[in-house]
């Protein structure tokens, strides 16, 4: 017999009447028990989550306390290292250079940036036979015409070049890592030979500038009697002397005939650039950290600046760097950046400067590298009168002017950052 929909409805009603009073309370009770069990499970889960969160917070707190304690230990330990670790050249107290030179001549700001890419970081320059020569990164010497054409690499050396000058023999004389060198052209290639690498049996640490007279005698500066320059370059030597103030910069003369070397003056706060007067009677020396330029008789021997020297320029608003003799006999000085004020403020705080000496080299560079938005060079007559002031202003100019050179048409500045030489028309 087939059951239709009506029959199924009728049977469902009969079952519901017969068993409903019994089944419904049981189902209702089962649902309540199930709901109660679910609530209990949720409460237990919430309690577990709360406990886990509490334990997690406690663990995070313990980690933070441990990390804080470790950080304090690291800071205390590193501070102790910076303050207590011995340095090769203990800092000396000094009197900071005072005053900023008052410009009596307006600066010429008509600047042309001449690209020397792919070469970069020119540090010094010299002029010979209508060519401008410059020492660049990678221990290379390049040359270029005044109009920016003819850029070419001339030769390279084994160490950093810090100064260059041409002698009466038209050979190039170089100062740099390891000593003094002579570069000559034989018609086929450039031959670079060492002239002097030791003084009194001691290796030259790092000559910073060089000049040559008509007799072939070489005058040169050794920035300071510190090994940092010899190991890590002149820039690191500058940082070491800036912090330590050893006052051990020295000017020497090398006699071309006898091969002997004699000190002219000692005790400089960083012996930077050097140049000769046209009559070969006077040396011009830049005392870098003291931000001044001296005139010293070439005849002086084993003396000090206060006895033999005469201040030519002082109060420079930056570190006195490379020097060059102008065509009219004046002397040009390149000004590198602006003074690092916190170092001068710590002139009596040898502990702070000692701590800075123990910092990594990259950190020292960040703290001590001089920079400025404008690059300056000044010219002074032999009596110390400021005769000319020029300013290089160009995009991306860092102002670390380390070299200056006067040509027939312009004054050129070597900026130790970037891939440009800067030309200021005369």
Protein backbone atom coordinates (compact mmCIF):
# COMPACT_ATOMS: atom_id res chain seq x y z
CA UNK A 1 0.00 0.00 0.00
CA UNK A 2 1.32 3.38 -0.92
CA UNK A 3 1.35 6.21 1.61
CA UNK A 4 0.66 9.65 0.39
CA UNK A 5 1.46 12.97 1.86
CA UNK A 6 -1.76 13.13 3.85
CA UNK A 7 -1.06 9.76 5.41
CA UNK A 8 2.45 10.88 6.48
CA UNK A 9 1.05 13.99 8.10
CA UNK A 10 -1.54 11.94 9.92
CA UNK A 11 1.06 9.46 11.21
CA UNK A 12 3.32 12.32 12.36
CA UNK A 13 0.47 13.86 14.32
CA UNK A 14 -0.37 10.50 15.96
CA UNK A 15 3.32 9.98 16.96
CA UNK A 16 3.55 13.52 18.24
CA UNK A 17 0.39 13.04 20.39
CA UNK A 18 1.59 9.68 21.73
CA UNK A 19 5.30 10.45 22.38
CA UNK A 20 5.51 14.29 22.42
CA UNK A 21 4.99 14.77 26.18
CA UNK A 22 7.89 12.41 26.80
CA UNK A 23 10.32 13.33 23.98
CA UNK A 24 10.04 17.10 24.09
CA UNK A 25 11.15 17.50 27.75
CA UNK A 26 14.05 15.11 27.11
CA UNK A 27 15.14 17.02 23.98
CA UNK A 28 14.78 20.31 25.81
CA UNK A 29 16.89 19.02 28.70
CA UNK A 30 19.51 17.69 26.33
CA UNK A 31 19.74 21.07 24.60
CA UNK A 32 20.10 22.87 27.95
CA UNK A 33 22.85 20.48 29.04
CA UNK A 34 24.61 20.91 25.69
CA UNK A 35 24.37 24.69 25.92
CA UNK A 36 25.66 24.59 29.51
CA UNK A 37 28.57 22.40 28.45
CA UNK A 38 29.42 24.79 25.62
CA UNK A 39 29.36 27.75 28.00
CA UNK A 40 31.65 25.88 30.38
CA UNK A 41 34.02 25.05 27.52
CA UNK A 42 34.03 28.71 26.46
CA UNK A 43 34.74 29.82 30.03
CA UNK A 44 37.59 27.32 30.30
CA UNK A 45 38.95 28.46 26.93
CA UNK A 46 38.73 32.10 28.02
CA UNK A 47 40.50 31.22 31.29
CA UNK A 48 43.22 29.41 29.35
CA UNK A 49 43.59 32.36 26.95
CA UNK A 50 43.76 34.78 29.89
CA UNK A 51 46.37 32.61 31.59
CA UNK A 52 48.38 32.37 28.39
CA UNK A 53 48.16 36.16 27.90
CA UNK A 54 49.26 36.67 31.50
CA UNK A 55 52.19 34.30 31.07
CA UNK A 56 53.04 35.94 27.73
CA UNK A 57 53.01 39.40 29.32
CA UNK A 58 55.14 38.13 32.18
CA UNK A 59 57.60 36.56 29.72
CA UNK A 60 57.67 39.76 27.64
CA UNK A 61 58.28 41.80 30.78
CA UNK A 62 61.13 39.51 31.82
CA UNK A 63 62.56 39.77 28.29
CA UNK A 64 62.29 43.55 28.37
CA UNK A 65 63.97 43.69 31.75
CA UNK A 66 66.73 41.35 30.53
CA UNK A 67 67.14 43.29 27.26
CA UNK A 68 67.24 46.58 29.16
CA UNK A 69 69.80 45.20 31.55
CA UNK A 70 71.87 43.86 28.66
CA UNK A 71 71.63 47.20 26.87
CA UNK A 72 72.73 49.02 30.00
CA UNK A 73 75.65 46.59 30.35
CA UNK A 74 76.59 47.14 26.70
CA UNK A 75 76.35 50.92 27.04
CA UNK A 76 78.31 50.92 30.29
CA UNK A 77 80.87 48.48 28.89
CA UNK A 78 81.27 50.38 25.61
CA UNK A 79 81.42 53.69 27.44
CA UNK A 80 84.08 52.23 29.69
CA UNK A 81 85.96 51.06 26.62
CA UNK A 82 85.75 54.49 25.00
CA UNK A 83 86.82 56.27 28.17
CA UNK A 84 89.41 53.84 29.52
CA UNK A 85 90.90 52.10 26.50
CA UNK A 86 94.35 53.57 25.85
CA UNK A 87 94.98 55.53 22.66
CA UNK A 88 98.25 55.85 20.80
CA UNK A 89 98.19 59.65 21.01
CA UNK A 90 96.63 60.95 24.26
CA UNK A 91 94.72 64.19 23.62
CA UNK A 92 96.29 67.43 24.75
CA UNK A 93 94.43 70.50 26.01
CA UNK A 94 94.70 73.48 23.67
CA UNK A 95 93.43 76.98 23.04
CA UNK A 96 90.96 77.02 20.13
CA UNK A 97 91.56 79.30 17.18
CA UNK A 98 89.49 82.43 17.68
CA UNK A 99 87.84 84.88 15.37
CA UNK A 100 86.66 84.76 11.80
CA UNK A 101 88.60 86.69 9.21
CA UNK A 102 86.79 89.79 8.05
CA UNK A 103 86.51 89.83 4.26
CA UNK A 104 87.74 93.13 2.85
CA UNK A 105 87.32 91.89 -0.72
CA UNK A 106 83.99 90.65 -1.99
CA UNK A 107 83.99 87.01 -3.00
CA UNK A 108 83.55 86.15 -6.66
CA UNK A 109 80.75 83.61 -6.96
CA UNK A 110 80.79 83.11 -10.74
CA UNK A 111 81.54 79.41 -10.54
CA UNK A 112 81.77 76.85 -13.32
CA UNK A 113 81.72 73.20 -12.33
CA UNK A 114 83.93 71.25 -14.73
CA UNK A 115 83.16 67.54 -14.71
CA UNK A 116 86.00 65.05 -14.49
CA UNK A 117 83.73 61.98 -14.43
CA UNK A 118 84.35 59.06 -14.22
CA UNK A 119 87.16 60.29 -11.95
CA UNK A 120 86.26 61.70 -8.55
CA UNK A 121 87.45 63.37 -5.35
CA UNK A 122 90.22 65.65 -6.64
CA UNK A 123 92.45 66.65 -3.74
CA UNK A 124 95.14 68.89 -5.29
CA UNK A 125 95.97 70.52 -8.62
CA UNK A 126 98.91 72.02 -10.56
CA UNK A 127 99.29 73.93 -13.84
CA UNK A 128 101.85 73.28 -16.58
CA UNK A 129 101.99 73.98 -20.35
CA UNK A 130 98.28 74.87 -20.66
CA UNK A 131 97.18 71.71 -18.83
CA UNK A 132 95.57 71.49 -15.42
CA UNK A 133 96.67 68.37 -13.53
CA UNK A 134 94.82 66.94 -10.54
CA UNK A 135 95.24 64.01 -8.17
CA UNK A 136 92.02 62.01 -7.82
CA UNK A 137 90.72 58.95 -6.00
CA UNK A 138 92.38 55.68 -6.87
CA UNK A 139 95.86 57.25 -6.63
CA UNK A 140 95.59 58.61 -10.18
CA UNK A 141 96.74 61.83 -11.83
CA UNK A 142 94.57 63.28 -14.58
CA UNK A 143 94.81 66.37 -16.77
CA UNK A 144 92.29 68.64 -18.51
CA UNK A 145 92.23 71.82 -20.57
CA UNK A 146 90.82 75.05 -19.16
CA UNK A 147 87.77 74.72 -21.38
CA UNK A 148 87.01 71.27 -19.93
CA UNK A 149 88.24 69.29 -22.94
CA UNK A 150 91.03 66.74 -23.26
CA UNK A 151 90.31 64.90 -20.00
CA UNK A 152 92.73 61.98 -19.72
CA UNK A 153 94.50 59.86 -17.13
CA UNK A 154 98.25 60.52 -17.05
CA UNK A 155 99.53 57.93 -14.58
CA UNK A 156 98.78 56.22 -11.28
CA UNK A 157 100.81 55.54 -8.14
CA UNK A 158 100.84 52.94 -5.38
CA UNK A 159 99.63 55.28 -2.67
CA UNK A 160 97.44 58.30 -2.02
CA UNK A 161 98.68 61.59 -3.49
CA UNK A 162 98.40 64.66 -1.28
CA UNK A 163 100.35 67.35 -3.11
CA UNK A 164 101.85 68.09 -6.52
CA UNK A 165 104.04 70.80 -8.03
CA UNK A 166 106.10 71.27 -11.19
CA UNK A 167 109.79 72.10 -11.01
CA UNK A 168 111.96 74.18 -13.32
CA UNK A 169 112.81 70.93 -15.10
CA UNK A 170 109.08 70.54 -15.95
CA UNK A 171 108.96 67.30 -13.96
CA UNK A 172 106.14 66.76 -11.49
CA UNK A 173 107.03 66.33 -7.83
CA UNK A 174 104.54 64.54 -5.62
CA UNK A 175 103.97 64.11 -1.90
CA UNK A 176 101.90 61.23 -0.67
CA UNK A 177 101.72 58.01 1.22
CA UNK A 178 105.20 56.75 1.82
CA UNK A 179 107.24 59.78 0.82
CA UNK A 180 108.18 62.12 -2.04
CA UNK A 181 108.21 61.14 -5.71
CA UNK A 182 109.29 62.51 -9.08
CA UNK A 183 107.26 61.90 -12.24
CA UNK A 184 109.02 62.49 -15.56
CA UNK A 185 107.99 61.88 -19.17
CA UNK A 186 110.59 60.33 -21.48
CA UNK A 187 108.57 60.70 -24.65
CA UNK A 188 107.00 57.28 -24.32
CA UNK A 189 105.68 56.90 -20.81
CA UNK A 190 105.60 58.55 -17.40
CA UNK A 191 108.25 57.28 -15.02
CA UNK A 192 107.50 57.71 -11.27
CA UNK A 193 110.47 57.26 -8.95
CA UNK A 194 110.75 57.72 -5.17
CA UNK A 195 113.02 60.54 -4.01
CA UNK A 196 112.66 60.34 -0.24
CA UNK A 197 110.95 57.77 1.96
CA UNK A 198 112.77 58.17 5.30
CA UNK A 199 114.04 60.97 7.53
CA UNK A 200 116.84 60.15 9.97
CA UNK A 201 116.15 56.46 9.50
CA UNK A 202 112.45 56.82 10.29
CA UNK A 203 109.86 56.30 7.54
CA UNK A 204 107.91 59.33 6.44
CA UNK A 205 104.44 58.90 7.86
CA UNK A 206 102.45 61.04 5.48
CA UNK A 207 103.72 64.17 3.72
CA UNK A 208 100.81 66.52 3.06
CA UNK A 209 102.28 69.15 0.72
CA UNK A 210 105.33 69.80 -1.45
CA UNK A 211 107.13 72.74 -3.09
CA UNK A 212 110.33 72.90 -5.18
CA UNK A 213 112.73 75.80 -5.72
CA UNK A 214 114.75 76.70 -8.79
CA UNK A 215 117.69 74.58 -7.56
CA UNK A 216 115.56 71.46 -7.23
CA UNK A 217 115.46 71.52 -3.41
CA UNK A 218 112.21 70.10 -2.06
CA UNK A 219 110.24 71.64 0.78
CA UNK A 220 107.53 69.46 2.25
CA UNK A 221 105.25 69.11 5.24
CA UNK A 222 104.58 66.06 7.34
CA UNK A 223 101.10 66.59 8.68
CA UNK A 224 101.86 65.20 12.15
CA UNK A 225 104.10 62.63 13.76
CA UNK A 226 101.32 60.06 13.95
CA UNK A 227 101.12 56.63 12.38
CA UNK A 228 97.38 56.87 11.71
CA UNK A 229 98.00 58.85 8.54
CA UNK A 230 100.53 56.33 7.27
CA UNK A 231 98.14 53.44 7.90
CA UNK A 232 94.75 54.87 6.96
CA UNK A 233 95.38 57.92 4.81
CA UNK A 234 95.67 61.65 5.30
CA UNK A 235 91.97 62.10 6.07
CA UNK A 236 92.17 59.73 9.04
CA UNK A 237 95.39 61.43 10.08
CA UNK A 238 93.49 64.73 10.08
CA UNK A 239 90.85 63.26 12.39
CA UNK A 240 93.47 61.88 14.76
CA UNK A 241 95.36 65.16 14.96
CA UNK A 242 92.11 67.12 15.28
CA UNK A 243 91.18 65.09 18.36
CA UNK A 244 94.63 64.56 19.86
CA UNK A 245 96.26 67.91 19.11
CA UNK A 246 99.77 66.48 19.28
CA UNK A 247 101.14 69.66 17.64
CA UNK A 248 103.82 67.62 15.87
CA UNK A 249 103.44 68.89 12.31
CA UNK A 250 106.82 69.55 10.72
CA UNK A 251 108.21 71.34 7.68
CA UNK A 252 111.34 69.82 6.09
CA UNK A 253 113.76 70.70 3.32
CA UNK A 254 115.44 68.10 1.13
CA UNK A 255 118.73 69.27 -0.36
CA UNK A 256 118.88 67.97 -3.91
CA UNK A 257 122.70 68.11 -4.08
CA UNK A 258 123.65 66.55 -0.75
CA UNK A 259 120.60 64.34 -0.30
CA UNK A 260 120.24 65.52 3.30
CA UNK A 261 116.99 66.38 5.08
CA UNK A 262 116.64 69.07 7.73
CA UNK A 263 113.64 70.28 9.71
CA UNK A 264 112.76 73.92 9.15
CA UNK A 265 110.01 74.43 11.74
CA UNK A 266 108.22 72.04 14.08
CA UNK A 267 105.26 72.09 16.42
CA UNK A 268 102.46 72.82 13.94
CA UNK A 269 98.82 71.98 14.66
CA UNK A 270 98.68 69.95 11.47
CA UNK A 271 101.16 70.93 8.75
CA UNK A 272 99.04 71.06 5.60
CA UNK A 273 99.86 72.86 2.38
CA UNK A 274 103.11 74.54 1.40
CA UNK A 275 104.17 77.02 -1.29
CA UNK A 276 107.22 79.10 -2.20
CA UNK A 277 107.49 82.81 -2.89
CA UNK A 278 108.62 83.64 -6.45
CA UNK A 279 112.11 84.61 -5.23
CA UNK A 280 112.49 81.31 -3.32
CA UNK A 281 113.19 83.15 -0.07
CA UNK A 282 109.96 82.54 1.84
CA UNK A 283 107.90 79.47 2.59
CA UNK A 284 104.17 79.70 3.07
CA UNK A 285 102.76 76.99 5.33
CA UNK A 286 99.16 76.29 6.29
CA UNK A 287 98.66 75.28 9.92
CA UNK A 288 95.50 73.35 9.29
CA UNK A 289 93.90 72.95 12.72
CA UNK A 290 94.89 76.45 13.84
CA UNK A 291 93.17 77.82 10.70
CA UNK A 292 96.02 80.11 9.73
CA UNK A 293 98.84 80.55 7.20
CA UNK A 294 102.45 81.34 8.11
CA UNK A 295 105.35 82.88 6.26
CA UNK A 296 108.69 81.27 7.19
CA UNK A 297 112.18 82.10 5.86
CA UNK A 298 113.57 79.28 3.75
CA UNK A 299 116.84 79.69 5.64
CA UNK A 300 115.26 78.73 9.00
CA UNK A 301 116.36 75.44 10.49
CA UNK A 302 115.06 73.35 13.38
CA UNK A 303 113.02 76.21 14.77
CA UNK A 304 109.46 76.92 15.83
CA UNK A 305 106.84 79.14 14.26
CA UNK A 306 106.78 81.60 17.14
CA UNK A 307 110.51 82.24 16.65
CA UNK A 308 110.87 82.28 12.86
CA UNK A 309 107.35 82.52 11.45
CA UNK A 310 105.05 85.42 10.70
CA UNK A 311 101.29 84.99 10.59
CA UNK A 312 100.05 85.76 7.09
CA UNK A 313 96.35 84.91 7.48
CA UNK A 314 94.44 83.80 10.55
CA UNK A 315 90.90 83.36 11.76
CA UNK A 316 89.92 81.39 8.65
CA UNK A 317 86.35 80.15 8.82
CA UNK A 318 87.53 76.62 8.05
CA UNK A 319 90.63 74.45 8.02
CA UNK A 320 93.63 75.76 6.08
CA UNK A 321 94.43 73.23 3.38
CA UNK A 322 96.40 73.42 0.12
CA UNK A 323 98.47 76.47 -0.86
CA UNK A 324 99.57 77.84 -4.21
CA UNK A 325 101.57 80.85 -5.34
CA UNK A 326 99.70 83.29 -7.57
CA UNK A 327 101.23 84.83 -10.68
CA UNK A 328 101.57 88.19 -8.93
CA UNK A 329 103.39 86.62 -5.97
CA UNK A 330 100.40 86.39 -3.63
CA UNK A 331 99.68 83.10 -1.91
CA UNK A 332 96.38 81.26 -2.24
CA UNK A 333 94.96 79.11 0.56
CA UNK A 334 92.13 76.61 0.11
CA UNK A 335 89.68 76.47 3.01
CA UNK A 336 88.31 73.02 3.82
CA UNK A 337 84.79 73.09 5.25
CA UNK A 338 83.83 74.83 8.46
CA UNK A 339 85.30 74.22 11.94
CA UNK A 340 83.96 71.26 13.93
CA UNK A 341 82.55 73.30 16.78
CA UNK A 342 82.10 70.53 19.34
CA UNK A 343 85.82 69.67 19.13
CA UNK A 344 86.82 73.24 19.95
CA UNK A 345 84.22 73.28 22.73
CA UNK A 346 86.03 70.24 24.16
CA UNK A 347 89.46 71.88 23.99
CA UNK A 348 89.91 71.27 27.74
CA UNK A 349 87.90 68.04 27.81
CA UNK A 350 90.55 65.49 26.93
CA UNK A 351 88.34 62.63 28.20
CA UNK A 352 85.61 63.35 25.67
CA UNK A 353 88.09 63.66 22.82
CA UNK A 354 89.81 60.45 23.92
CA UNK A 355 86.45 58.66 23.78
CA UNK A 356 85.94 59.99 20.25
CA UNK A 357 89.36 58.65 19.27
CA UNK A 358 88.24 55.12 20.20
CA UNK A 359 85.19 55.30 17.93
CA UNK A 360 85.19 53.36 14.63
CA UNK A 361 86.60 55.24 11.66
CA UNK A 362 83.24 55.57 9.90
CA UNK A 363 81.72 57.09 13.04
CA UNK A 364 84.65 59.49 13.34
CA UNK A 365 84.12 60.55 9.74
CA UNK A 366 80.45 61.27 10.46
CA UNK A 367 81.39 63.33 13.52
CA UNK A 368 84.46 65.11 12.17
CA UNK A 369 84.27 65.45 8.39
CA UNK A 370 84.19 69.21 7.66
CA UNK A 371 81.64 70.45 5.14
CA UNK A 372 80.10 73.71 3.97
CA UNK A 373 77.65 74.92 1.35
CA UNK A 374 80.24 77.29 -0.10
CA UNK A 375 83.87 76.59 -0.92
CA UNK A 376 86.36 79.38 -0.21
CA UNK A 377 89.88 80.31 -1.20
CA UNK A 378 91.76 83.41 -0.05
CA UNK A 379 94.83 85.17 -1.41
CA UNK A 380 97.19 87.23 0.70
CA UNK A 381 100.13 89.43 -0.23
CA UNK A 382 103.55 88.91 1.28
CA UNK A 383 102.82 91.51 3.97
CA UNK A 384 99.71 89.64 5.12
CA UNK A 385 97.09 91.83 3.47
CA UNK A 386 94.05 89.98 2.19
CA UNK A 387 94.09 90.70 -1.53
CA UNK A 388 91.43 88.41 -2.96
CA UNK A 389 88.64 86.12 -1.79
CA UNK A 390 86.73 83.79 -4.06
CA UNK A 391 83.76 81.59 -3.32
CA UNK A 392 82.71 78.50 -5.23
CA UNK A 393 78.96 78.03 -5.16
CA UNK A 394 77.50 75.20 -7.20
CA UNK A 395 74.88 72.44 -6.82
CA UNK A 396 76.02 69.55 -4.61
CA UNK A 397 79.19 71.39 -3.59
CA UNK A 398 80.26 69.95 -0.24
CA UNK A 399 82.74 72.75 0.45
CA UNK A 400 85.67 70.47 1.26
CA UNK A 401 88.10 72.55 -0.80
CA UNK A 402 91.54 70.99 -0.36
CA UNK A 403 93.49 72.35 -3.31
CA UNK A 404 93.82 75.63 -5.23
CA UNK A 405 95.64 76.48 -8.44
CA UNK A 406 95.87 79.71 -10.44
CA UNK A 407 96.16 79.52 -14.23
CA UNK A 408 96.38 82.16 -16.93
CA UNK A 409 92.61 82.58 -17.07
CA UNK A 410 91.10 81.38 -13.80
CA UNK A 411 91.51 80.08 -10.29
CA UNK A 412 90.69 76.40 -9.87
CA UNK A 413 89.49 74.71 -6.69
CA UNK A 414 89.82 71.00 -6.00
CA UNK A 415 86.87 69.71 -4.02
CA UNK A 416 87.56 66.43 -2.22
CA UNK A 417 83.96 65.29 -2.78
CA UNK A 418 82.28 64.54 -6.08
CA UNK A 419 83.43 64.50 -9.69
CA UNK A 420 84.01 68.19 -10.39
CA UNK A 421 86.74 70.78 -10.42
CA UNK A 422 85.53 74.35 -9.87
CA UNK A 423 86.67 77.22 -12.04
CA UNK A 424 86.35 80.86 -10.99
CA UNK A 425 87.33 83.35 -13.68
CA UNK A 426 89.98 85.86 -12.66
